[in-house]
Every structure is written in structure tokens, then in C-alpha cells.
Amino acid sequence: MPTTKPNRKAAGGIARASKLSPERRKEISENAIKAKKEQASLLKATHGSAEKPLRLGDIEIPCYVLEDETRVLSQRGLLSGLGMAKGSTTSGDDQLTVLANTLLASDLLDPEKALLLKKPIEFKPKHGGRAAHGYPATVLADLCEAVLESRSKGTLPAKLHGLAKQCEILIRGFARVGIIALVDEATGYQKDRARDSLAKILETWVAKELQPYVRTFPPEFYEEMFRLRGLPYPPENPKFRPQYFGVLTNDIVYERLAPGLLEELKKQSAKDEKKAHLHRRLTLEVGHPRLKEHLASVTTAMKLSSDYQDFIGKLNRIHPRFGQTYFLDLEQSDR
């Protein structure tokens, strides 16, 4: 059978490998495995790309949000924003390390912050590819402040005066408190952050499994509901509840307990084979105790109200709905 010959590049690699000692080949193999493990352990960027940089006037700096929510500015972008070229200096150190050492020697930069400039964060870009390097977003503000303070004291080396002018431009472009918000806006993270926060709230409220039935709504709740709706109580059938009471209860209770709670309860309940009370989907640690507190407050407001509109007016002041009611088929007078 014909055998395919390795190409010139592969043949060269094989030739070089054959000249290595077994110990050296083993060392190279172990280093490759170690590098692969380190690459796998890097944090991944969940938001951000070079196409959506942080813009400060005419300056553009690519920025990212990592898995642990660290906001970073790309190494190349930070250097460009500061008007510095990427590469090593005559001492062999990179530009930011030299700058950090200069400011550190003048007691203008905290040692911990100087260390952040000397050791950039290595991370994996969102869409794969080679590892990228960056710095915590707040470092830019710290660096600019240190450079400008050094200039004002007259201790800034003459070769860094051009850098000071660039820092002045940057510092005018953002307030230190706002840098995180600026990065979140540029990456689109602020939208997901709100969704993530809501998800964490709902996780404490909504149980993953259906809870055993426990009487939760007090008899007074329904007695007052009948009265406020102008219906005789008790009804001939003790278990009778008008069908629309469910819509009203959703509005009175679940729409006012936590943001997005009603929608999530309905989503989880849809998984059940048989229809069950929504409150059986609440967690025992948070959901049920808060529901009982809410029902006690609601029932008191009912007792103090002359009719349903009066009650809703009081309820809207005491327990306003979270956001808008999206799918409740309420009459205008019931709102």
C-alpha cells in the first residue's frame, strides 16, 4: 500500500524530536499538558467583544465581563487609550509594569493596585480563540488619578508628561463610580444582570418540587372576599368559589409578593400532572412565611374596607404591584 509522506514542516518537526533526549521529550509533553490545564481553568468572558468597545470621546477600549462578574479592559485597548505602545521597554518589562514601578516608587500608587498592572488577567474570549489579557476596569481610574497627582506635585518624570495629558482626557470621560456602569452598558451586561438578579430572587421563593398541601389561606380571606364582592356568605356549597376569584387572588397576592413570581409559579405548575394550588410551589423557607405575612396584611385591609374598590385603593398603597400586570383579565374597577 502506498504511504503518504509527511510534509516538509511535519518532517522537520519529526527530525527535531528525534534529536531530543527522552527526558527532554517528557518535559515538553508535561509542559504541554500543564499549559492545556491552565487554559481550561481560565475564566471565560460572558459579555463583550472588540466590536463593542467602551467609548470615551474618541478613545475606544475593548471591555469584557468575566464569569465571576469581574469587569476588565483589554490590555491592548488600555495601552492604546493611554497612548502607549504595546511591547517591552529597554529593561525588558512591559510599558505598564514600568509605569507601575515609577508610580510605586513615588508612593503615588497603592502596592496592591500596582500589582494588578504588573500581572494582567488572562481569560478566554466569549467566542473562543486564543487567551486574552486584561486589567480590572477600575485600574484605569486609579492609574489616571496617580499620574495626574504626580504631575500636580511636580514629581512626574518628563517622559510621562504626554501620558498625563492622555490621562486628563480619560478622567474627563468617566467618573470613577461610573466606570462599572459604563462597561456594563457597552457589553450589554446590565440587561442580563437584571435578569440574573430576578432569577436569584425567584430561586429563594419558588420550590423545585411540589410541596405537600397545607391550609394557607385563612377562612377570613374568603369571607371578606365574598363580602367585598357583594356575594352571600357562607355559600350553600362550603367549597364553592367563583371562578374569577382565582384571577383576583393572583392580583391581590402573587403579583404583589415578588417580581415575576406569578409567571414563574405558573411555569413550574405547568409541569405537574394534576393542577395544584400555586402556593404549593412556594419554598418553605421563604415563600410560605412571606405569603402568610402578606395574607394577614391583606385580610386586615379587607376588614377595613367598605367595598372592593375601597379595598383595592388601600392595597395599592400598602402592597403595590411589581411592575405591570401583563396577563390578568381584570375589570378597570378591580384595579
Protein backbone atom coordinates (compact mmCIF):
# COMPACT_ATOMS: atom_id res chain seq x y z
CA MET A 1 0.00 0.00 0.00
CA PRO A 2 1.27 3.50 -0.79
CA THR A 3 2.25 5.56 2.21
CA THR A 4 1.80 9.30 2.41
CA LYS A 5 4.97 11.19 3.18
CA PRO A 6 4.81 13.88 5.87
CA ASN A 7 5.03 17.43 4.54
CA ARG A 8 8.25 19.38 4.91
CA LYS A 9 7.11 21.16 8.10
CA ALA A 10 5.99 17.93 9.79
CA ALA A 11 9.14 16.15 8.65
CA GLY A 12 11.23 18.90 10.24
CA GLY A 13 9.33 18.51 13.49
CA ILE A 14 9.89 14.76 13.49
CA ALA A 15 13.59 15.25 12.79
CA ARG A 16 13.95 17.73 15.67
CA ALA A 17 12.04 15.46 18.05
CA SER A 18 14.31 12.53 17.18
CA LYS A 19 17.32 14.53 18.33
CA LEU A 20 15.81 15.22 21.78
CA SER A 21 16.64 13.07 24.76
CA PRO A 22 13.79 11.04 26.34
CA GLU A 23 13.94 13.31 29.38
CA ARG A 24 13.55 16.46 27.23
CA ARG A 25 10.66 14.95 25.27
CA LYS A 26 8.96 14.06 28.56
CA GLU A 27 9.48 17.60 29.87
CA ILE A 28 7.97 19.12 26.72
CA SER A 29 4.99 16.76 26.96
CA GLU A 30 4.39 17.59 30.62
CA ASN A 31 4.63 21.32 29.90
CA ALA A 32 2.08 20.95 27.10
CA ILE A 33 -0.33 19.11 29.43
CA LYS A 34 0.18 21.76 32.11
CA ALA A 35 -0.48 24.58 29.63
CA LYS A 36 -3.66 22.83 28.45
CA LYS A 37 -4.92 22.52 32.04
CA GLU A 38 -4.16 26.18 32.73
CA GLN A 39 -6.01 27.18 29.58
CA ALA A 40 -9.04 25.13 30.64
CA SER A 41 -9.07 26.77 34.09
CA LEU A 42 -9.17 30.33 32.74
CA LEU A 43 -12.28 32.39 33.36
CA LYS A 44 -14.44 32.92 30.29
CA ALA A 45 -15.80 36.26 29.13
CA THR A 46 -19.60 36.11 29.21
CA HIS A 47 -20.12 39.57 27.72
CA GLY A 48 -18.22 41.95 25.48
CA SER A 49 -16.29 41.92 22.23
CA ALA A 50 -13.79 44.01 20.33
CA GLU A 51 -16.67 45.23 18.14
CA LYS A 52 -18.45 46.82 21.14
CA PRO A 53 -15.75 48.80 22.96
CA LEU A 54 -16.02 51.24 25.81
CA ARG A 55 -16.09 54.68 24.17
CA LEU A 56 -14.71 57.74 25.93
CA GLY A 57 -14.79 60.52 23.38
CA ASP A 58 -12.52 59.44 20.53
CA ILE A 59 -10.91 56.71 22.63
CA GLU A 60 -12.13 53.13 22.27
CA ILE A 61 -11.15 50.36 24.71
CA PRO A 62 -12.50 46.80 24.28
CA CYS A 63 -14.05 45.64 27.53
CA TYR A 64 -15.48 42.40 28.92
CA VAL A 65 -17.37 40.90 31.85
CA LEU A 66 -15.99 37.57 33.09
CA GLU A 67 -17.79 34.61 34.65
CA ASP A 68 -17.07 35.88 38.17
CA GLU A 69 -18.51 39.30 37.18
CA THR A 70 -15.08 40.96 37.03
CA ARG A 71 -15.14 43.81 34.51
CA VAL A 72 -11.92 44.01 32.53
CA LEU A 73 -10.38 46.30 29.95
CA SER A 74 -8.27 44.63 27.27
CA GLN A 75 -4.50 45.00 27.61
CA ARG A 76 -4.03 46.29 24.08
CA GLY A 77 -7.00 48.66 24.44
CA LEU A 78 -5.78 50.04 27.75
CA LEU A 79 -2.34 50.75 26.32
CA SER A 80 -3.89 52.39 23.27
CA GLY A 81 -6.19 54.50 25.45
CA LEU A 82 -3.20 55.72 27.41
CA GLY A 83 -1.31 56.48 24.22
CA MET A 84 1.30 53.81 24.95
CA ALA A 85 2.70 51.26 22.52
CA LYS A 86 2.48 47.56 23.22
CA GLY A 87 5.83 45.83 23.73
CA SER A 88 8.79 45.67 26.08
CA THR A 89 10.97 48.56 27.17
CA THR A 90 14.77 48.59 27.27
CA SER A 91 14.58 46.99 30.73
CA GLY A 92 12.66 44.06 29.29
CA ASP A 93 9.48 44.92 31.20
CA ASP A 94 6.25 45.94 29.51
CA GLN A 95 5.10 49.57 29.49
CA LEU A 96 2.52 49.21 32.28
CA THR A 97 4.94 47.41 34.60
CA VAL A 98 7.48 50.22 34.16
CA LEU A 99 4.76 52.80 34.79
CA ALA A 100 3.52 50.94 37.88
CA ASN A 101 7.07 50.78 39.30
CA THR A 102 7.59 54.50 38.67
CA LEU A 103 4.39 55.47 40.46
CA LEU A 104 5.01 52.97 43.22
CA ALA A 105 8.46 54.43 43.88
CA SER A 106 6.86 57.87 44.32
CA ASP A 107 4.22 56.46 46.72
CA LEU A 108 1.52 57.53 44.29
CA LEU A 109 0.10 54.08 43.63
CA ASP A 110 -1.01 51.52 46.17
CA PRO A 111 1.19 48.36 46.03
CA GLU A 112 -1.89 46.18 45.53
CA LYS A 113 -3.04 48.26 42.56
CA ALA A 114 0.48 48.33 41.16
CA LEU A 115 0.48 44.51 41.27
CA LEU A 116 -2.71 44.46 39.18
CA LEU A 117 -0.87 46.38 36.46
CA LYS A 118 2.10 44.02 36.59
CA LYS A 119 0.01 40.86 36.38
CA PRO A 120 -2.82 41.15 33.83
CA ILE A 121 -5.81 38.81 34.00
CA GLU A 122 -5.71 36.03 31.43
CA PHE A 123 -9.15 34.95 30.22
CA LYS A 124 -10.93 33.12 27.43
CA PRO A 125 -12.82 35.27 24.90
CA LYS A 126 -16.56 34.64 24.65
CA HIS A 127 -16.38 33.03 21.21
CA GLY A 128 -13.20 31.02 21.79
CA GLY A 129 -9.79 31.50 20.29
CA ARG A 130 -6.51 32.39 21.96
CA ALA A 131 -6.44 33.57 25.56
CA ALA A 132 -6.73 37.33 26.03
CA HIS A 133 -5.26 39.62 28.66
CA GLY A 134 -6.87 42.48 30.51
CA TYR A 135 -6.99 44.54 33.69
CA PRO A 136 -9.77 45.26 36.21
CA ALA A 137 -11.79 48.21 34.88
CA THR A 138 -11.23 50.37 37.99
CA VAL A 139 -7.45 50.22 37.50
CA LEU A 140 -7.75 52.75 34.70
CA ALA A 141 -9.25 55.35 37.04
CA ASP A 142 -6.64 54.60 39.74
CA LEU A 143 -3.82 54.92 37.22
CA CYS A 144 -5.06 58.21 35.78
CA GLU A 145 -5.50 59.72 39.23
CA ALA A 146 -1.99 58.67 40.27
CA VAL A 147 -0.39 60.12 37.12
CA LEU A 148 -2.26 63.43 37.42
CA GLU A 149 -1.44 63.72 41.12
CA SER A 150 2.23 63.12 40.36
CA ARG A 151 2.11 65.87 37.73
CA SER A 152 0.47 68.31 40.13
CA LYS A 153 3.21 67.62 42.70
CA GLY A 154 5.93 68.06 40.10
CA THR A 155 7.27 64.54 40.63
CA LEU A 156 6.21 63.10 37.28
CA PRO A 157 9.18 62.30 35.02
CA ALA A 158 9.35 64.48 31.92
CA LYS A 159 8.97 61.46 29.65
CA LEU A 160 5.49 60.81 31.14
CA HIS A 161 4.05 64.31 30.57
CA GLY A 162 2.42 63.12 27.35
CA LEU A 163 0.80 60.30 29.31
CA ALA A 164 -0.56 62.81 31.82
CA LYS A 165 -2.35 64.68 29.03
CA GLN A 166 -3.96 61.43 27.90
CA CYS A 167 -4.98 60.62 31.49
CA GLU A 168 -6.58 64.03 31.74
CA ILE A 169 -8.69 63.24 28.67
CA LEU A 170 -9.70 59.88 30.12
CA ILE A 171 -10.54 61.19 33.58
CA ARG A 172 -12.88 63.71 31.99
CA GLY A 173 -14.58 60.89 30.10
CA PHE A 174 -15.77 58.98 33.13
CA ALA A 175 -16.33 59.26 36.85
CA ARG A 176 -14.73 56.54 38.95
CA VAL A 177 -18.06 55.50 40.37
CA GLY A 178 -19.49 55.17 36.88
CA ILE A 179 -16.83 53.01 35.24
CA ILE A 180 -18.61 49.73 36.12
CA ALA A 181 -21.88 51.06 34.71
CA LEU A 182 -20.10 52.20 31.54
CA VAL A 183 -18.61 48.74 30.99
CA ASP A 184 -21.95 47.06 31.67
CA GLU A 185 -23.66 49.33 29.16
CA ALA A 186 -21.03 48.76 26.49
CA THR A 187 -21.16 44.96 26.86
CA GLY A 188 -24.93 44.72 27.26
CA TYR A 189 -24.40 43.10 30.67
CA GLN A 190 -26.81 45.39 32.52
CA LYS A 191 -29.78 43.62 30.93
CA ASP A 192 -28.58 40.17 31.91
CA ARG A 193 -27.58 41.41 35.35
CA ALA A 194 -31.19 42.43 35.99
CA ARG A 195 -32.41 39.04 34.76
CA ASP A 196 -29.84 37.24 36.90
CA SER A 197 -30.87 39.22 39.97
CA LEU A 198 -34.51 38.34 39.34
CA ALA A 199 -33.61 34.68 38.88
CA LYS A 200 -31.84 34.65 42.24
CA ILE A 201 -34.90 36.19 43.93
CA LEU A 202 -37.22 33.63 42.37
CA GLU A 203 -34.92 30.79 43.34
CA THR A 204 -35.49 31.60 47.01
CA TRP A 205 -39.26 31.84 46.51
CA VAL A 206 -40.17 29.01 44.15
CA ALA A 207 -39.65 25.35 45.11
CA LYS A 208 -38.33 22.91 42.52
CA GLU A 209 -40.84 20.26 43.62
CA LEU A 210 -44.49 20.39 44.58
CA GLN A 211 -44.89 20.84 48.34
CA PRO A 212 -47.44 18.90 50.46
CA TYR A 213 -50.81 20.64 50.81
CA VAL A 214 -51.10 22.83 53.89
CA ARG A 215 -54.04 25.15 54.56
CA THR A 216 -52.57 28.56 53.84
CA PHE A 217 -55.38 30.99 53.00
CA PRO A 218 -57.31 31.80 56.23
CA PRO A 219 -61.15 31.46 56.19
CA GLU A 220 -61.39 35.23 56.82
CA PHE A 221 -59.75 35.89 53.46
CA TYR A 222 -62.61 34.26 51.56
CA GLU A 223 -65.27 35.57 53.91
CA GLU A 224 -64.10 39.13 53.26
CA MET A 225 -63.72 38.45 49.54
CA PHE A 226 -67.38 37.35 49.35
CA ARG A 227 -68.47 40.43 51.31
CA LEU A 228 -66.46 42.87 49.21
CA ARG A 229 -67.80 41.34 46.00
CA GLY A 230 -71.39 41.54 47.27
CA LEU A 231 -71.90 37.77 47.47
CA PRO A 232 -73.73 35.90 50.25
CA TYR A 233 -71.54 34.12 52.77
CA PRO A 234 -71.30 31.30 53.59
CA PRO A 235 -72.33 29.90 50.20
CA GLU A 236 -74.71 26.94 50.03
CA ASN A 237 -71.78 24.75 48.99
CA PRO A 238 -68.96 25.39 51.54
CA LYS A 239 -66.33 24.60 48.86
CA PHE A 240 -67.80 26.94 46.25
CA ARG A 241 -65.57 29.75 44.98
CA PRO A 242 -66.46 31.84 41.90
CA GLN A 243 -64.05 31.04 39.11
CA TYR A 244 -62.93 34.65 38.76
CA PHE A 245 -61.71 34.58 42.38
CA GLY A 246 -58.56 32.94 41.00
CA VAL A 247 -57.83 35.98 38.81
CA LEU A 248 -58.46 38.32 41.73
CA THR A 249 -56.29 36.25 44.08
CA ASN A 250 -53.42 36.30 41.59
CA ASP A 251 -53.59 40.08 41.56
CA ILE A 252 -54.11 40.52 45.32
CA VAL A 253 -51.44 38.04 46.35
CA TYR A 254 -48.90 36.71 43.87
CA GLU A 255 -48.44 39.86 41.74
CA ARG A 256 -47.53 41.76 44.91
CA LEU A 257 -45.27 39.29 46.69
CA ALA A 258 -42.16 39.35 44.47
CA PRO A 259 -41.27 40.47 40.91
CA GLY A 260 -42.03 37.80 38.31
CA LEU A 261 -43.33 35.39 40.96
CA LEU A 262 -46.74 34.66 39.40
CA GLU A 263 -45.25 33.92 35.99
CA GLU A 264 -42.63 31.59 37.48
CA LEU A 265 -45.19 29.77 39.67
CA LYS A 266 -47.40 29.16 36.64
CA LYS A 267 -44.42 27.96 34.62
CA GLN A 268 -43.44 25.45 37.32
CA SER A 269 -47.05 24.36 37.91
CA ALA A 270 -47.44 23.57 34.22
CA LYS A 271 -45.03 20.67 34.78
CA ASP A 272 -47.40 18.99 37.26
CA GLU A 273 -49.60 16.17 36.04
CA LYS A 274 -52.58 17.47 38.03
CA LYS A 275 -53.50 21.09 38.64
CA ALA A 276 -52.40 22.18 42.10
CA HIS A 277 -52.62 25.33 44.21
CA LEU A 278 -49.92 27.83 43.33
CA HIS A 279 -48.88 28.18 46.95
CA ARG A 280 -47.72 24.55 46.91
CA ARG A 281 -44.87 25.71 44.69
CA LEU A 282 -43.54 28.18 47.26
CA THR A 283 -40.43 27.34 49.27
CA LEU A 284 -40.92 26.51 52.95
CA GLU A 285 -38.00 28.74 53.98
CA VAL A 286 -39.01 32.00 52.24
CA GLY A 287 -42.14 31.66 50.11
CA HIS A 288 -44.64 30.29 52.63
CA PRO A 289 -43.68 32.56 55.57
CA ARG A 290 -43.84 35.66 53.35
CA LEU A 291 -47.17 34.52 51.88
CA LYS A 292 -48.69 34.16 55.36
CA GLU A 293 -47.46 37.63 56.35
CA HIS A 294 -48.93 39.06 53.17
CA LEU A 295 -52.30 37.34 53.68
CA ALA A 296 -52.54 38.65 57.25
CA SER A 297 -51.94 42.20 55.99
CA VAL A 298 -54.36 41.78 53.07
CA THR A 299 -57.12 40.37 55.29
CA THR A 300 -56.78 43.31 57.68
CA ALA A 301 -57.08 45.73 54.74
CA MET A 302 -60.20 43.84 53.60
CA LYS A 303 -61.85 44.20 57.01
CA LEU A 304 -61.17 47.95 56.97
CA SER A 305 -62.73 48.40 53.51
CA SER A 306 -66.35 49.14 52.65
CA ASP A 307 -66.29 47.62 49.14
CA TYR A 308 -63.87 46.09 46.65
CA GLN A 309 -62.79 49.39 45.08
CA ASP A 310 -62.09 50.80 48.52
CA PHE A 311 -60.02 47.71 49.32
CA ILE A 312 -58.01 47.86 46.08
CA GLY A 313 -57.24 51.53 46.73
CA LYS A 314 -55.83 50.63 50.16
CA LEU A 315 -53.98 47.59 48.79
CA ASN A 316 -52.33 49.60 46.01
CA ARG A 317 -50.88 51.91 48.64
CA ILE A 318 -49.79 49.18 51.08
CA HIS A 319 -48.68 46.46 48.62
CA PRO A 320 -48.25 47.91 45.11
CA ARG A 321 -47.83 45.50 42.22
CA PHE A 322 -44.34 44.77 40.95
CA GLY A 323 -44.23 46.39 37.51
CA GLN A 324 -47.21 45.97 35.24
CA THR A 325 -49.80 43.23 35.26
CA TYR A 326 -49.31 41.59 31.90
CA PHE A 327 -52.00 38.94 31.58
CA LEU A 328 -54.58 39.44 34.33
CA ASP A 329 -58.04 39.92 32.88
CA LEU A 330 -59.21 42.48 35.46
CA GLU A 331 -62.00 44.97 35.06
CA GLN A 332 -60.85 48.58 35.35
CA SER A 333 -62.77 48.97 38.64
CA ASP A 334 -60.89 45.99 40.09
CA ARG A 335 -57.50 47.60 39.58
